[in-house]
């Protein structure tokens, strides 16, 4: 698989090659902040086949949280492009909405952190879900 994507204003672009390591929907409270309230839909790809092809994104990591994730975003338009997680040191979590063709995602294979789900979140019937899922 060879996918490309970028931010809303076009200042930052990326390319990812290889097969997805995971496809998931995360309902954690942190993800709700970054999506504006809904679950985060991400595709995990190896960082071996990942590169930025245009622009320099900014990063933010909340320093007072143990195991905090690093958010990678465009400093111009604010688009959240991907997440770097200490529990997934060899991969990147690409935000599906930033793909040039989001349909390549298909469906999530798991929904995680559903204990934080809001009443307006939609859980898919055929997708396994976990109230708390910790990657070790």
C-alpha atoms as a PDB file:
ATOM      1  CA  UNK A   1       0.000   0.000   0.000  1.00  0.00           C
ATOM      2  CA  UNK A   2       1.258   3.465  -0.879  1.00  0.00           C
ATOM      3  CA  UNK A   3      -0.770   6.260   0.689  1.00  0.00           C
ATOM      4  CA  UNK A   4      -0.391   9.996   0.713  1.00  0.00           C
ATOM      5  CA  UNK A   5      -1.998  12.770   2.650  1.00  0.00           C
ATOM      6  CA  UNK A   6      -1.554  16.132   4.245  1.00  0.00           C
ATOM      7  CA  UNK A   7      -3.022  19.041   6.096  1.00  0.00           C
ATOM      8  CA  UNK A   8      -6.005  21.198   5.147  1.00  0.00           C
ATOM      9  CA  UNK A   9      -3.939  24.123   3.822  1.00  0.00           C
ATOM     10  CA  UNK A  10      -1.483  21.901   1.901  1.00  0.00           C
ATOM     11  CA  UNK A  11       1.668  23.164   3.662  1.00  0.00           C
ATOM     12  CA  UNK A  12       2.511  19.712   5.080  1.00  0.00           C
ATOM     13  CA  UNK A  13       2.368  16.484   3.064  1.00  0.00           C
ATOM     14  CA  UNK A  14       3.339  12.897   3.877  1.00  0.00           C
ATOM     15  CA  UNK A  15       3.705   9.480   2.293  1.00  0.00           C
ATOM     16  CA  UNK A  16       3.355   6.068   3.959  1.00  0.00           C
ATOM     17  CA  UNK A  17       4.271   2.760   2.351  1.00  0.00           C
ATOM     18  CA  UNK A  18       3.520  -0.742   3.573  1.00  0.00           C
ATOM     19  CA  UNK A  19       0.553  -2.498   5.081  1.00  0.00           C
ATOM     20  CA  UNK A  20      -1.390  -1.026   7.990  1.00  0.00           C
ATOM     21  CA  UNK A  21      -0.330  -2.418  11.366  1.00  0.00           C
ATOM     22  CA  UNK A  22      -3.702  -1.497  12.858  1.00  0.00           C
ATOM     23  CA  UNK A  23      -6.937   0.318  12.097  1.00  0.00           C
ATOM     24  CA  UNK A  24      -8.802   1.600  15.104  1.00  0.00           C
ATOM     25  CA  UNK A  25     -11.236   4.029  16.617  1.00  0.00           C
ATOM     26  CA  UNK A  26     -10.142   5.564  19.943  1.00  0.00           C
ATOM     27  CA  UNK A  27     -12.695   7.064  22.316  1.00  0.00           C
ATOM     28  CA  UNK A  28     -10.257   8.287  25.002  1.00  0.00           C
ATOM     29  CA  UNK A  29     -10.773  11.737  26.469  1.00  0.00           C
ATOM     30  CA  UNK A  30      -7.491  12.997  25.003  1.00  0.00           C
ATOM     31  CA  UNK A  31      -8.599  12.047  21.499  1.00  0.00           C
ATOM     32  CA  UNK A  32     -11.907  13.821  22.062  1.00  0.00           C
ATOM     33  CA  UNK A  33      -9.989  17.050  22.662  1.00  0.00           C
ATOM     34  CA  UNK A  34      -8.147  16.693  19.370  1.00  0.00           C
ATOM     35  CA  UNK A  35     -11.172  15.740  17.276  1.00  0.00           C
ATOM     36  CA  UNK A  36     -13.528  18.299  18.723  1.00  0.00           C
ATOM     37  CA  UNK A  37     -15.547  15.686  20.587  1.00  0.00           C
ATOM     38  CA  UNK A  38     -15.699  12.508  18.544  1.00  0.00           C
ATOM     39  CA  UNK A  39     -13.563   9.360  18.555  1.00  0.00           C
ATOM     40  CA  UNK A  40     -10.260   9.465  16.718  1.00  0.00           C
ATOM     41  CA  UNK A  41      -9.977   7.203  13.680  1.00  0.00           C
ATOM     42  CA  UNK A  42      -6.384   6.197  12.978  1.00  0.00           C
ATOM     43  CA  UNK A  43      -4.356   3.837  10.851  1.00  0.00           C
ATOM     44  CA  UNK A  44      -1.084   2.589  12.295  1.00  0.00           C
ATOM     45  CA  UNK A  45       1.765   2.424   9.788  1.00  0.00           C
ATOM     46  CA  UNK A  46       5.432   1.546  10.195  1.00  0.00           C
ATOM     47  CA  UNK A  47       7.691   4.565  10.507  1.00  0.00           C
ATOM     48  CA  UNK A  48      10.143   2.760   8.179  1.00  0.00           C
ATOM     49  CA  UNK A  49       7.904   3.543   5.192  1.00  0.00           C
ATOM     50  CA  UNK A  50       6.746   6.952   6.468  1.00  0.00           C
ATOM     51  CA  UNK A  51       8.134  10.338   5.472  1.00  0.00           C
ATOM     52  CA  UNK A  52       7.092  13.952   5.242  1.00  0.00           C
ATOM     53  CA  UNK A  53       7.341  15.049   1.619  1.00  0.00           C
ATOM     54  CA  UNK A  54       6.536  18.736   2.058  1.00  0.00           C
ATOM     55  CA  UNK A  55       6.774  21.178   4.939  1.00  0.00           C
ATOM     56  CA  UNK A  56       7.818  20.818   8.550  1.00  0.00           C
ATOM     57  CA  UNK A  57       5.089  19.894  11.038  1.00  0.00           C
ATOM     58  CA  UNK A  58       5.061  20.980  14.663  1.00  0.00           C
ATOM     59  CA  UNK A  59       4.835  18.622  17.634  1.00  0.00           C
ATOM     60  CA  UNK A  60       3.178  18.865  21.017  1.00  0.00           C
ATOM     61  CA  UNK A  61       3.457  16.480  23.970  1.00  0.00           C
ATOM     62  CA  UNK A  62       1.767  17.222  27.305  1.00  0.00           C
ATOM     63  CA  UNK A  63       4.660  16.992  29.742  1.00  0.00           C
ATOM     64  CA  UNK A  64       2.653  16.272  32.899  1.00  0.00           C
ATOM     65  CA  UNK A  65       1.137  12.977  31.669  1.00  0.00           C
ATOM     66  CA  UNK A  66       2.891   9.637  32.005  1.00  0.00           C
ATOM     67  CA  UNK A  67       3.014   7.910  28.602  1.00  0.00           C
ATOM     68  CA  UNK A  68       1.715  11.012  26.842  1.00  0.00           C
ATOM     69  CA  UNK A  69       1.422  10.843  23.091  1.00  0.00           C
ATOM     70  CA  UNK A  70       3.064  13.358  20.782  1.00  0.00           C
ATOM     71  CA  UNK A  71       0.642  15.163  18.492  1.00  0.00           C
ATOM     72  CA  UNK A  72       2.042  16.127  15.076  1.00  0.00           C
ATOM     73  CA  UNK A  73       0.215  18.965  13.323  1.00  0.00           C
ATOM     74  CA  UNK A  74       0.447  21.763  10.771  1.00  0.00           C
ATOM     75  CA  UNK A  75       1.385  25.061  12.383  1.00  0.00           C
ATOM     76  CA  UNK A  76      -0.448  26.962   9.656  1.00  0.00           C
ATOM     77  CA  UNK A  77      -3.931  25.446   9.665  1.00  0.00           C
ATOM     78  CA  UNK A  78      -3.730  23.322  12.824  1.00  0.00           C
ATOM     79  CA  UNK A  79      -4.606  20.010  11.156  1.00  0.00           C
ATOM     80  CA  UNK A  80      -3.681  17.114  13.440  1.00  0.00           C
ATOM     81  CA  UNK A  81      -1.819  14.784  11.062  1.00  0.00           C
ATOM     82  CA  UNK A  82      -0.598  11.933  13.228  1.00  0.00           C
ATOM     83  CA  UNK A  83       0.248  10.720  16.695  1.00  0.00           C
ATOM     84  CA  UNK A  84       3.488   9.230  17.997  1.00  0.00           C
ATOM     85  CA  UNK A  85       3.022   6.878  20.933  1.00  0.00           C
ATOM     86  CA  UNK A  86       5.680   5.547  23.327  1.00  0.00           C
ATOM     87  CA  UNK A  87       3.801   2.226  23.259  1.00  0.00           C
ATOM     88  CA  UNK A  88       4.288   2.031  19.461  1.00  0.00           C
ATOM     89  CA  UNK A  89       7.895   3.153  18.980  1.00  0.00           C
ATOM     90  CA  UNK A  90       8.185   1.709  15.453  1.00  0.00           C
ATOM     91  CA  UNK A  91       5.043   3.245  14.047  1.00  0.00           C
ATOM     92  CA  UNK A  92       2.951   6.320  13.426  1.00  0.00           C
ATOM     93  CA  UNK A  93      -0.794   6.682  13.913  1.00  0.00           C
ATOM     94  CA  UNK A  94      -2.091   8.525  10.866  1.00  0.00           C
ATOM     95  CA  UNK A  95      -5.341  10.457  11.201  1.00  0.00           C
ATOM     96  CA  UNK A  96      -7.616   8.962   8.558  1.00  0.00           C
ATOM     97  CA  UNK A  97      -9.173  12.325   7.709  1.00  0.00           C
ATOM     98  CA  UNK A  98      -5.797  13.550   6.441  1.00  0.00           C
ATOM     99  CA  UNK A  99      -5.458  10.800   3.809  1.00  0.00           C
ATOM    100  CA  UNK A 100      -5.910  11.930   0.204  1.00  0.00           C
ATOM    101  CA  UNK A 101      -8.247   8.942  -0.149  1.00  0.00           C
ATOM    102  CA  UNK A 102      -9.755   8.138   3.266  1.00  0.00           C
ATOM    103  CA  UNK A 103     -11.683   5.218   1.737  1.00  0.00           C
ATOM    104  CA  UNK A 104      -8.474   3.116   1.773  1.00  0.00           C
ATOM    105  CA  UNK A 105      -8.986   2.841   5.543  1.00  0.00           C
ATOM    106  CA  UNK A 106     -12.078   0.693   5.120  1.00  0.00           C
ATOM    107  CA  UNK A 107     -13.340  -0.020   8.645  1.00  0.00           C
ATOM    108  CA  UNK A 108     -11.713  -0.061  12.066  1.00  0.00           C
ATOM    109  CA  UNK A 109     -10.881  -3.517  13.393  1.00  0.00           C
ATOM    110  CA  UNK A 110     -11.236  -2.418  17.023  1.00  0.00           C
ATOM    111  CA  UNK A 111     -12.660   0.406  19.135  1.00  0.00           C
ATOM    112  CA  UNK A 112     -10.637   1.254  22.236  1.00  0.00           C
ATOM    113  CA  UNK A 113     -11.040   3.293  25.433  1.00  0.00           C
ATOM    114  CA  UNK A 114     -14.828   3.054  25.146  1.00  0.00           C
ATOM    115  CA  UNK A 115     -15.153   3.737  28.888  1.00  0.00           C
ATOM    116  CA  UNK A 116     -14.681   7.384  27.867  1.00  0.00           C
ATOM    117  CA  UNK A 117     -17.338   7.260  25.113  1.00  0.00           C
ATOM    118  CA  UNK A 118     -19.921  10.001  25.064  1.00  0.00           C
ATOM    119  CA  UNK A 119     -23.633   9.384  24.542  1.00  0.00           C
ATOM    120  CA  UNK A 120     -23.373  10.737  20.993  1.00  0.00           C
ATOM    121  CA  UNK A 121     -20.521   8.384  19.967  1.00  0.00           C
ATOM    122  CA  UNK A 122     -21.384   5.557  17.609  1.00  0.00           C
ATOM    123  CA  UNK A 123     -19.975   2.088  18.291  1.00  0.00           C
ATOM    124  CA  UNK A 124     -20.087  -0.261  15.312  1.00  0.00           C
ATOM    125  CA  UNK A 125     -21.844  -3.567  16.029  1.00  0.00           C
ATOM    126  CA  UNK A 126     -19.373  -5.805  14.192  1.00  0.00           C
ATOM    127  CA  UNK A 127     -16.241  -4.172  15.628  1.00  0.00           C
ATOM    128  CA  UNK A 128     -14.817  -5.511  18.919  1.00  0.00           C
ATOM    129  CA  UNK A 129     -14.535  -2.852  21.602  1.00  0.00           C
ATOM    130  CA  UNK A 130     -12.519  -2.513  24.798  1.00  0.00           C
ATOM    131  CA  UNK A 131     -13.315  -0.219  27.709  1.00  0.00           C
ATOM    132  CA  UNK A 132      -9.611   0.014  28.519  1.00  0.00           C
ATOM    133  CA  UNK A 133      -6.933  -1.200  26.132  1.00  0.00           C
ATOM    134  CA  UNK A 134      -3.303  -0.782  27.069  1.00  0.00           C
ATOM    135  CA  UNK A 135      -0.536  -1.548  24.597  1.00  0.00           C
ATOM    136  CA  UNK A 136       2.535  -2.852  26.399  1.00  0.00           C
END
